[in-house]
Amino acid sequence: MKVLKFLLVGIFFGIVLVKSEAVSWYRIYEMFKFQSFHMYGIIGSAVFLGALLVWLFKKFGVKNIEGNAIFLAPKDSGFIRYIAGGTIFGFGWALAGACPGPLYVLFGTGVISMLIVIAAAVLGTFVYGILRSKLPH
C-alpha cells in the first residue's frame, strides 16, 4: 500500500512537470540563454516552498509517514564543493536538456532517447559510489 502512495505522488508530479512545461527542452534552452523567466519562476517557487516547509516541519515537529521525528542534519559550509557539484550538474542538465527527475517523465511521454541519458545517469551514480571514499565531502 505504501508503494501505491509513492507511485501516485510520482505520477502527479510528472503531470505537473509536463503541464508546467518544466520538462520542455525549449524552456530549458531559454533559461540557459537568460531569455525567459519561466523556469527561474518554477525553480524559485520550489526553493521558497521547500524552505517554508522545512521551517514549518521544524517549528511544529512534523513526523514522517512511519511516525518518526524528521531529523535534518546540519550542513557544513564547503562552498567549493557546492560550486563544483552545481557546475557538473548544470553541464549535465544543459547537455541532456533535462535534470534527473524529469528524465523519467520525458521517457514516459515518449522521448525514447532519454533512455541513453538515464543509462548515463545510472552509470554516473555507480561511478560516484565507487569513488565516493576518495572524493572530498
N, C-alpha and C. Protein backbone atom coordinates (compact mmCIF):
# COMPACT_ATOMS: atom_id res chain seq x y z
N MET A 1 0.82 -1.20 0.00
CA MET A 1 0.00 0.00 0.00
C MET A 1 0.86 1.26 0.00
N LYS A 2 2.02 1.20 0.73
CA LYS A 2 2.92 2.34 0.77
C LYS A 2 3.45 2.69 -0.62
N VAL A 3 3.78 1.66 -1.38
CA VAL A 3 4.33 1.86 -2.72
C VAL A 3 3.31 2.56 -3.61
N LEU A 4 2.05 2.23 -3.46
CA LEU A 4 1.00 2.84 -4.25
C LEU A 4 0.92 4.35 -3.99
N LYS A 5 1.07 4.75 -2.73
CA LYS A 5 1.05 6.18 -2.38
C LYS A 5 2.18 6.91 -3.11
N PHE A 6 3.36 6.35 -3.07
CA PHE A 6 4.51 6.98 -3.71
C PHE A 6 4.36 6.99 -5.23
N LEU A 7 3.80 5.93 -5.77
CA LEU A 7 3.56 5.87 -7.21
C LEU A 7 2.58 6.95 -7.65
N LEU A 8 1.51 7.13 -6.89
CA LEU A 8 0.52 8.16 -7.21
C LEU A 8 1.11 9.57 -7.09
N VAL A 9 1.92 9.81 -6.07
CA VAL A 9 2.58 11.11 -5.93
C VAL A 9 3.53 11.33 -7.10
N GLY A 10 4.25 10.30 -7.51
CA GLY A 10 5.16 10.41 -8.65
C GLY A 10 4.43 10.70 -9.95
N ILE A 11 3.31 10.05 -10.17
CA ILE A 11 2.51 10.30 -11.36
C ILE A 11 1.99 11.74 -11.34
N PHE A 12 1.49 12.19 -10.20
CA PHE A 12 1.01 13.56 -10.08
C PHE A 12 2.14 14.55 -10.35
N PHE A 13 3.32 14.29 -9.79
CA PHE A 13 4.48 15.16 -10.00
C PHE A 13 4.86 15.20 -11.48
N GLY A 14 4.82 14.06 -12.15
CA GLY A 14 5.11 14.01 -13.57
C GLY A 14 4.13 14.82 -14.39
N ILE A 15 2.85 14.74 -14.05
CA ILE A 15 1.84 15.52 -14.75
C ILE A 15 2.09 17.01 -14.54
N VAL A 16 2.41 17.40 -13.32
CA VAL A 16 2.70 18.81 -13.03
C VAL A 16 3.91 19.29 -13.84
N LEU A 17 4.95 18.47 -13.92
CA LEU A 17 6.14 18.85 -14.69
C LEU A 17 5.81 19.03 -16.17
N VAL A 18 5.00 18.14 -16.72
CA VAL A 18 4.63 18.25 -18.14
C VAL A 18 3.74 19.47 -18.37
N LYS A 19 2.72 19.64 -17.56
CA LYS A 19 1.78 20.75 -17.74
C LYS A 19 2.43 22.12 -17.52
N SER A 20 3.41 22.20 -16.63
CA SER A 20 4.09 23.48 -16.38
C SER A 20 5.20 23.74 -17.38
N GLU A 21 5.42 22.79 -18.28
CA GLU A 21 6.47 22.84 -19.30
C GLU A 21 7.87 22.83 -18.70
N ALA A 22 8.01 22.32 -17.48
CA ALA A 22 9.33 22.26 -16.85
C ALA A 22 10.21 21.20 -17.50
N VAL A 23 9.63 20.30 -18.28
CA VAL A 23 10.42 19.27 -18.97
C VAL A 23 10.66 19.64 -20.43
N SER A 24 10.21 20.81 -20.83
CA SER A 24 10.36 21.24 -22.22
C SER A 24 11.80 21.66 -22.49
N TRP A 25 12.39 21.04 -23.49
CA TRP A 25 13.77 21.38 -23.85
C TRP A 25 13.87 22.84 -24.23
N TYR A 26 12.85 23.38 -24.89
CA TYR A 26 12.86 24.78 -25.31
C TYR A 26 12.84 25.72 -24.11
N ARG A 27 12.07 25.37 -23.08
CA ARG A 27 12.04 26.19 -21.86
C ARG A 27 13.40 26.16 -21.17
N ILE A 28 14.02 25.00 -21.13
CA ILE A 28 15.34 24.87 -20.51
C ILE A 28 16.37 25.67 -21.31
N TYR A 29 16.29 25.58 -22.63
CA TYR A 29 17.19 26.34 -23.51
C TYR A 29 17.03 27.84 -23.27
N GLU A 30 15.76 28.30 -23.16
CA GLU A 30 15.51 29.72 -22.87
C GLU A 30 16.13 30.12 -21.54
N MET A 31 16.04 29.23 -20.56
CA MET A 31 16.58 29.54 -19.24
C MET A 31 18.09 29.72 -19.30
N PHE A 32 18.78 28.78 -19.96
CA PHE A 32 20.24 28.87 -20.01
C PHE A 32 20.72 30.04 -20.85
N LYS A 33 19.87 30.56 -21.72
CA LYS A 33 20.23 31.74 -22.51
C LYS A 33 19.68 33.03 -21.89
N PHE A 34 19.10 32.92 -20.70
CA PHE A 34 18.52 34.06 -19.98
C PHE A 34 17.50 34.81 -20.83
N GLN A 35 16.66 34.08 -21.56
CA GLN A 35 15.66 34.69 -22.43
C GLN A 35 14.26 34.64 -21.83
N SER A 36 14.07 33.90 -20.74
CA SER A 36 12.74 33.76 -20.19
C SER A 36 12.83 33.54 -18.68
N PHE A 37 11.83 34.05 -17.98
CA PHE A 37 11.77 33.90 -16.53
C PHE A 37 11.05 32.61 -16.11
N HIS A 38 10.41 31.93 -17.05
CA HIS A 38 9.54 30.79 -16.77
C HIS A 38 10.19 29.76 -15.83
N MET A 39 11.34 29.23 -16.22
CA MET A 39 11.99 28.19 -15.41
C MET A 39 12.53 28.75 -14.10
N TYR A 40 13.04 29.99 -14.12
CA TYR A 40 13.51 30.59 -12.87
C TYR A 40 12.36 30.77 -11.89
N GLY A 41 11.17 31.07 -12.42
CA GLY A 41 10.00 31.18 -11.56
C GLY A 41 9.63 29.85 -10.94
N ILE A 42 9.69 28.78 -11.73
CA ILE A 42 9.39 27.44 -11.20
C ILE A 42 10.42 27.04 -10.14
N ILE A 43 11.69 27.22 -10.46
CA ILE A 43 12.76 26.84 -9.53
C ILE A 43 12.69 27.70 -8.27
N GLY A 44 12.50 29.01 -8.44
CA GLY A 44 12.40 29.91 -7.29
C GLY A 44 11.22 29.56 -6.40
N SER A 45 10.08 29.23 -7.01
CA SER A 45 8.90 28.82 -6.23
C SER A 45 9.19 27.54 -5.45
N ALA A 46 9.89 26.60 -6.08
CA ALA A 46 10.23 25.34 -5.40
C ALA A 46 11.17 25.58 -4.23
N VAL A 47 12.16 26.46 -4.41
CA VAL A 47 13.10 26.77 -3.32
C VAL A 47 12.36 27.45 -2.18
N PHE A 48 11.52 28.42 -2.49
CA PHE A 48 10.76 29.12 -1.46
C PHE A 48 9.84 28.16 -0.70
N LEU A 49 9.10 27.33 -1.44
CA LEU A 49 8.19 26.38 -0.81
C LEU A 49 8.96 25.36 0.03
N GLY A 50 10.10 24.89 -0.48
CA GLY A 50 10.92 23.95 0.29
C GLY A 50 11.42 24.56 1.58
N ALA A 51 11.90 25.81 1.53
CA ALA A 51 12.39 26.49 2.74
C ALA A 51 11.25 26.68 3.73
N LEU A 52 10.08 27.07 3.22
CA LEU A 52 8.92 27.26 4.08
C LEU A 52 8.51 25.95 4.76
N LEU A 53 8.48 24.86 3.99
CA LEU A 53 8.10 23.56 4.57
C LEU A 53 9.12 23.08 5.60
N VAL A 54 10.41 23.26 5.33
CA VAL A 54 11.43 22.86 6.32
C VAL A 54 11.23 23.65 7.61
N TRP A 55 10.98 24.95 7.48
CA TRP A 55 10.75 25.79 8.66
C TRP A 55 9.52 25.30 9.43
N LEU A 56 8.43 25.01 8.70
CA LEU A 56 7.22 24.53 9.35
C LEU A 56 7.43 23.17 9.99
N PHE A 57 8.17 22.28 9.33
CA PHE A 57 8.46 20.96 9.90
C PHE A 57 9.21 21.10 11.21
N LYS A 58 10.19 21.99 11.25
CA LYS A 58 10.97 22.19 12.48
C LYS A 58 10.11 22.84 13.57
N LYS A 59 9.32 23.82 13.19
CA LYS A 59 8.51 24.56 14.16
C LYS A 59 7.45 23.68 14.82
N PHE A 60 6.79 22.84 14.03
CA PHE A 60 5.68 22.04 14.55
C PHE A 60 6.05 20.58 14.81
N GLY A 61 7.33 20.21 14.63
CA GLY A 61 7.76 18.85 14.92
C GLY A 61 7.04 17.79 14.09
N VAL A 62 6.90 18.03 12.81
CA VAL A 62 6.20 17.10 11.92
C VAL A 62 6.93 15.76 11.89
N LYS A 63 6.18 14.69 11.86
CA LYS A 63 6.75 13.34 11.81
C LYS A 63 6.62 12.77 10.40
N ASN A 64 7.46 11.78 10.09
CA ASN A 64 7.39 11.17 8.76
C ASN A 64 6.23 10.17 8.70
N ILE A 65 6.09 9.51 7.58
CA ILE A 65 4.96 8.60 7.34
C ILE A 65 4.94 7.42 8.32
N GLU A 66 6.10 7.10 8.89
CA GLU A 66 6.20 5.99 9.86
C GLU A 66 6.05 6.46 11.30
N GLY A 67 5.83 7.76 11.49
CA GLY A 67 5.64 8.30 12.84
C GLY A 67 6.91 8.71 13.54
N ASN A 68 8.05 8.64 12.88
CA ASN A 68 9.32 9.04 13.48
C ASN A 68 9.57 10.53 13.26
N ALA A 69 10.31 11.14 14.17
CA ALA A 69 10.64 12.55 14.03
C ALA A 69 11.55 12.74 12.82
N ILE A 70 11.33 13.83 12.10
CA ILE A 70 12.16 14.14 10.94
C ILE A 70 13.40 14.88 11.44
N PHE A 71 14.57 14.33 11.12
CA PHE A 71 15.83 14.94 11.54
C PHE A 71 16.56 15.45 10.32
N LEU A 72 16.88 16.73 10.33
CA LEU A 72 17.65 17.34 9.26
C LEU A 72 19.05 17.64 9.79
N ALA A 73 20.03 16.91 9.30
CA ALA A 73 21.40 17.08 9.77
C ALA A 73 21.94 18.43 9.32
N PRO A 74 22.66 19.13 10.20
CA PRO A 74 23.24 20.41 9.79
C PRO A 74 24.31 20.19 8.72
N LYS A 75 24.38 21.11 7.78
CA LYS A 75 25.36 21.02 6.69
C LYS A 75 26.59 21.83 7.06
N ASP A 76 27.76 21.29 6.73
CA ASP A 76 28.97 22.08 6.90
C ASP A 76 29.11 22.98 5.69
N SER A 77 29.87 24.03 5.84
CA SER A 77 29.96 25.02 4.75
C SER A 77 31.17 24.72 3.87
N GLY A 78 30.97 23.87 2.89
CA GLY A 78 32.00 23.57 1.91
C GLY A 78 31.64 24.24 0.60
N PHE A 79 31.88 25.55 0.51
CA PHE A 79 31.44 26.35 -0.62
C PHE A 79 31.97 25.80 -1.95
N ILE A 80 33.22 25.39 -1.99
CA ILE A 80 33.84 24.93 -3.23
C ILE A 80 33.12 23.68 -3.75
N ARG A 81 32.77 22.78 -2.86
CA ARG A 81 32.12 21.55 -3.30
C ARG A 81 30.75 21.83 -3.90
N TYR A 82 30.05 22.84 -3.38
CA TYR A 82 28.75 23.20 -3.95
C TYR A 82 28.92 23.83 -5.34
N ILE A 83 29.94 24.64 -5.50
CA ILE A 83 30.21 25.24 -6.81
C ILE A 83 30.59 24.15 -7.81
N ALA A 84 31.49 23.25 -7.40
CA ALA A 84 31.91 22.17 -8.31
C ALA A 84 30.74 21.24 -8.64
N GLY A 85 30.00 20.83 -7.65
CA GLY A 85 28.86 19.94 -7.88
C GLY A 85 27.78 20.60 -8.72
N GLY A 86 27.49 21.87 -8.44
CA GLY A 86 26.50 22.61 -9.21
C GLY A 86 26.91 22.80 -10.66
N THR A 87 28.21 22.99 -10.87
CA THR A 87 28.72 23.15 -12.23
C THR A 87 28.58 21.85 -13.01
N ILE A 88 28.96 20.74 -12.40
CA ILE A 88 28.82 19.43 -13.06
C ILE A 88 27.35 19.14 -13.34
N PHE A 89 26.49 19.42 -12.36
CA PHE A 89 25.06 19.21 -12.52
C PHE A 89 24.53 20.08 -13.66
N GLY A 90 24.94 21.34 -13.70
CA GLY A 90 24.48 22.25 -14.75
C GLY A 90 24.94 21.83 -16.13
N PHE A 91 26.19 21.35 -16.24
CA PHE A 91 26.68 20.87 -17.53
C PHE A 91 25.84 19.68 -18.00
N GLY A 92 25.58 18.75 -17.09
CA GLY A 92 24.76 17.59 -17.45
C GLY A 92 23.35 18.00 -17.85
N TRP A 93 22.80 18.95 -17.13
CA TRP A 93 21.46 19.44 -17.43
C TRP A 93 21.42 20.10 -18.80
N ALA A 94 22.44 20.91 -19.09
CA ALA A 94 22.49 21.60 -20.38
C ALA A 94 22.70 20.61 -21.53
N LEU A 95 23.54 19.60 -21.31
CA LEU A 95 23.80 18.62 -22.37
C LEU A 95 22.61 17.71 -22.63
N ALA A 96 21.95 17.29 -21.56
CA ALA A 96 20.82 16.36 -21.71
C ALA A 96 19.52 17.08 -22.01
N GLY A 97 19.44 18.33 -21.62
CA GLY A 97 18.19 19.07 -21.80
C GLY A 97 17.19 18.78 -20.70
N ALA A 98 17.63 18.12 -19.64
CA ALA A 98 16.73 17.81 -18.53
C ALA A 98 17.55 17.50 -17.28
N CYS A 99 17.02 17.85 -16.13
CA CYS A 99 17.66 17.45 -14.88
C CYS A 99 17.19 16.03 -14.53
N PRO A 100 17.77 15.37 -13.54
CA PRO A 100 17.50 13.95 -13.31
C PRO A 100 16.03 13.56 -13.10
N GLY A 101 15.26 14.33 -12.35
CA GLY A 101 13.87 13.97 -12.10
C GLY A 101 13.03 13.84 -13.35
N PRO A 102 13.05 14.84 -14.22
CA PRO A 102 12.23 14.77 -15.44
C PRO A 102 12.70 13.76 -16.48
N LEU A 103 13.84 13.14 -16.31
CA LEU A 103 14.28 12.14 -17.29
C LEU A 103 13.22 11.05 -17.45
N TYR A 104 12.70 10.59 -16.34
CA TYR A 104 11.70 9.52 -16.38
C TYR A 104 10.37 10.03 -16.93
N VAL A 105 10.06 11.30 -16.60
CA VAL A 105 8.84 11.90 -17.13
C VAL A 105 8.94 12.01 -18.65
N LEU A 106 10.08 12.47 -19.14
CA LEU A 106 10.28 12.58 -20.59
C LEU A 106 10.20 11.22 -21.26
N PHE A 107 10.80 10.21 -20.65
CA PHE A 107 10.70 8.86 -21.21
C PHE A 107 9.24 8.42 -21.23
N GLY A 108 8.52 8.74 -20.15
CA GLY A 108 7.10 8.38 -20.08
C GLY A 108 6.24 9.09 -21.10
N THR A 109 6.68 10.27 -21.55
CA THR A 109 5.91 10.99 -22.57
C THR A 109 6.29 10.56 -23.98
N GLY A 110 7.23 9.60 -24.09
CA GLY A 110 7.54 9.06 -25.41
C GLY A 110 8.88 9.48 -25.99
N VAL A 111 9.69 10.20 -25.21
CA VAL A 111 11.01 10.61 -25.69
C VAL A 111 11.97 9.45 -25.40
N ILE A 112 12.02 8.50 -26.32
CA ILE A 112 12.77 7.26 -26.14
C ILE A 112 14.26 7.51 -25.97
N SER A 113 14.78 8.58 -26.58
CA SER A 113 16.22 8.86 -26.48
C SER A 113 16.66 9.15 -25.04
N MET A 114 15.71 9.42 -24.15
CA MET A 114 16.06 9.66 -22.75
C MET A 114 16.59 8.40 -22.08
N LEU A 115 16.35 7.23 -22.69
CA LEU A 115 16.93 6.00 -22.14
C LEU A 115 18.45 6.08 -22.11
N ILE A 116 19.04 6.73 -23.10
CA ILE A 116 20.51 6.91 -23.13
C ILE A 116 20.94 7.78 -21.96
N VAL A 117 20.21 8.86 -21.73
CA VAL A 117 20.54 9.78 -20.65
C VAL A 117 20.33 9.10 -19.29
N ILE A 118 19.25 8.34 -19.16
CA ILE A 118 19.00 7.61 -17.91
C ILE A 118 20.12 6.61 -17.65
N ALA A 119 20.56 5.90 -18.69
CA ALA A 119 21.67 4.94 -18.54
C ALA A 119 22.94 5.67 -18.12
N ALA A 120 23.21 6.85 -18.70
CA ALA A 120 24.39 7.63 -18.33
C ALA A 120 24.29 8.11 -16.88
N ALA A 121 23.08 8.51 -16.45
CA ALA A 121 22.89 8.95 -15.07
C ALA A 121 23.11 7.80 -14.09
N VAL A 122 22.61 6.63 -14.43
CA VAL A 122 22.82 5.45 -13.56
C VAL A 122 24.30 5.09 -13.51
N LEU A 123 24.97 5.13 -14.66
CA LEU A 123 26.41 4.86 -14.70
C LEU A 123 27.17 5.88 -13.87
N GLY A 124 26.82 7.16 -13.99
CA GLY A 124 27.47 8.20 -13.19
C GLY A 124 27.28 7.99 -11.70
N THR A 125 26.08 7.58 -11.31
CA THR A 125 25.81 7.28 -9.90
C THR A 125 26.64 6.10 -9.42
N PHE A 126 26.77 5.09 -10.27
CA PHE A 126 27.58 3.91 -9.94
C PHE A 126 29.05 4.29 -9.76
N VAL A 127 29.57 5.10 -10.68
CA VAL A 127 30.96 5.53 -10.60
C VAL A 127 31.18 6.38 -9.35
N TYR A 128 30.22 7.25 -9.04
CA TYR A 128 30.32 8.04 -7.81
C TYR A 128 30.39 7.12 -6.59
N GLY A 129 29.56 6.09 -6.57
CA GLY A 129 29.59 5.13 -5.45
C GLY A 129 30.95 4.48 -5.29
N ILE A 130 31.62 4.21 -6.39
CA ILE A 130 32.94 3.60 -6.32
C ILE A 130 33.98 4.62 -5.82
N LEU A 131 33.88 5.85 -6.31
CA LEU A 131 34.89 6.88 -5.99
C LEU A 131 34.56 7.70 -4.74
N ARG A 132 33.43 7.47 -4.15
CA ARG A 132 32.95 8.30 -3.03
C ARG A 132 33.96 8.47 -1.92
N SER A 133 34.62 7.41 -1.53
CA SER A 133 35.57 7.50 -0.41
C SER A 133 36.81 8.32 -0.76
N LYS A 134 37.09 8.50 -2.04
CA LYS A 134 38.26 9.26 -2.47
C LYS A 134 37.95 10.72 -2.77
N LEU A 135 36.67 11.09 -2.75
CA LEU A 135 36.26 12.45 -3.07
C LEU A 135 36.12 13.30 -1.81
N PRO A 136 36.37 14.60 -1.92
CA PRO A 136 36.20 15.47 -0.74
C PRO A 136 34.71 15.67 -0.42
N HIS A 137 34.33 15.46 0.82
CA HIS A 137 32.94 15.66 1.24
C HIS A 137 32.89 16.62 2.40
